[in-house]
Amino acid sequence: MKIVHSISEFHRLVSLQPPLHPLISIVKVENMRLPGKEVLDHFSLDFYCVSLKKQVLGKVKYGQQYYDFDTGMMTFIAPKQVQSVDMSELEDPAPAVGTGYSLLIHPDFLYKHPLATSIKNLGFFSYAVNEALHLSDKEEKNIVDIMEKINEECQHIDRHQQDVILAQIDLLLTYSKRFYERQFITRKAVNHDLLASMEQLLSDYFEKEEALKKGAPTVEYLAAKLNLSPHYLGDMLRSLTGQSTQQHIQLKLIEKAKEYLTITELSVAEIAYLLGFEYPQSFNKFFKKKTNISPLEFRQNFN
């Protein structure tokens, strides 16, 4: 796997002039040239990359998912994330890979600034490529304006440069949060279908007694089954229901527990194992925390 350690190394890799600043750079996608199709076959960066791309040649792969960039959209890649670009159908050496901008930010540029912490808490840096941010024309203009402002600031170095660029990065990420929330709303019908699919997955999991063999369902299990990243699934569910994926799983566990307690004669221990708990006392503690009553008391009160 190719690991790109610095922004300067990335510039060399895509045949660009050295960056004016070693820790921050704006790259115009149309100016990038790859020496060979295999260069981006399997790679990771040691810095953040925020990209606005259009009409990208080749397909970007994240895990087992491909996404073909036909319209303007944004992707957010954190350091150490593995990606690949399938350019097997292109001529060699590869031509320009599309249009747009890529903002490259080394973590050291954020040192001692609040962004150094807050950027790590932005879930969309863990979204898969197929969960990219799709922009309207107006939204795209807002992002392009910020990218160009950062590019302008990179052209000269003075004691105000870093503060100005950090303010622009903060604005860009704030817009991105707003636009992702808008995307969850505008795709509500699709997201409701995903919610229904997740509920069916949970029901099937318990009906087939998978929990007895594998333990309680996890966020990662559901996300994989739905071909989503865990962060995207969680943010999507919060936008629809106000609850996280883990909270949905816990609600299903309580629902099934109440069902077993009321319509079966299974012991509390047997129910605990059916729901994926390794120890009955863990199930008792979980049930009481969620319902303010023990499983046995619930059964007795119901009957």
Foldseek 3Di string as FASTA:
>chain_A
DAEAEWPQSVCVQQVHDGFLDGFKAKDWLQSGWHQWQCSQAKYFYQWKKKWWFAQFAFWKDAPHDTDGHHGTWIAIAGGPRMIGTHNVVADPRHHRGGGTMMITGHLVLCPPPPCNVVVVVDLRNQWGPVLIQDDDPVLVVVLVVLSVVLNVLSVDDDPCSSVVNVVSVVVNVVSVVVSSLVVLVVCVVVLVVLVVVLVVVQVVCLVVLVLLVVAADDLCNSCVVSVIGSSVQQVSCCSVPVGGPVVVSLVSLLVVLLVCLAPHPDDLQVSCSSNNHPGSVVVQVSNCVVVVDGSVVSSVVVD
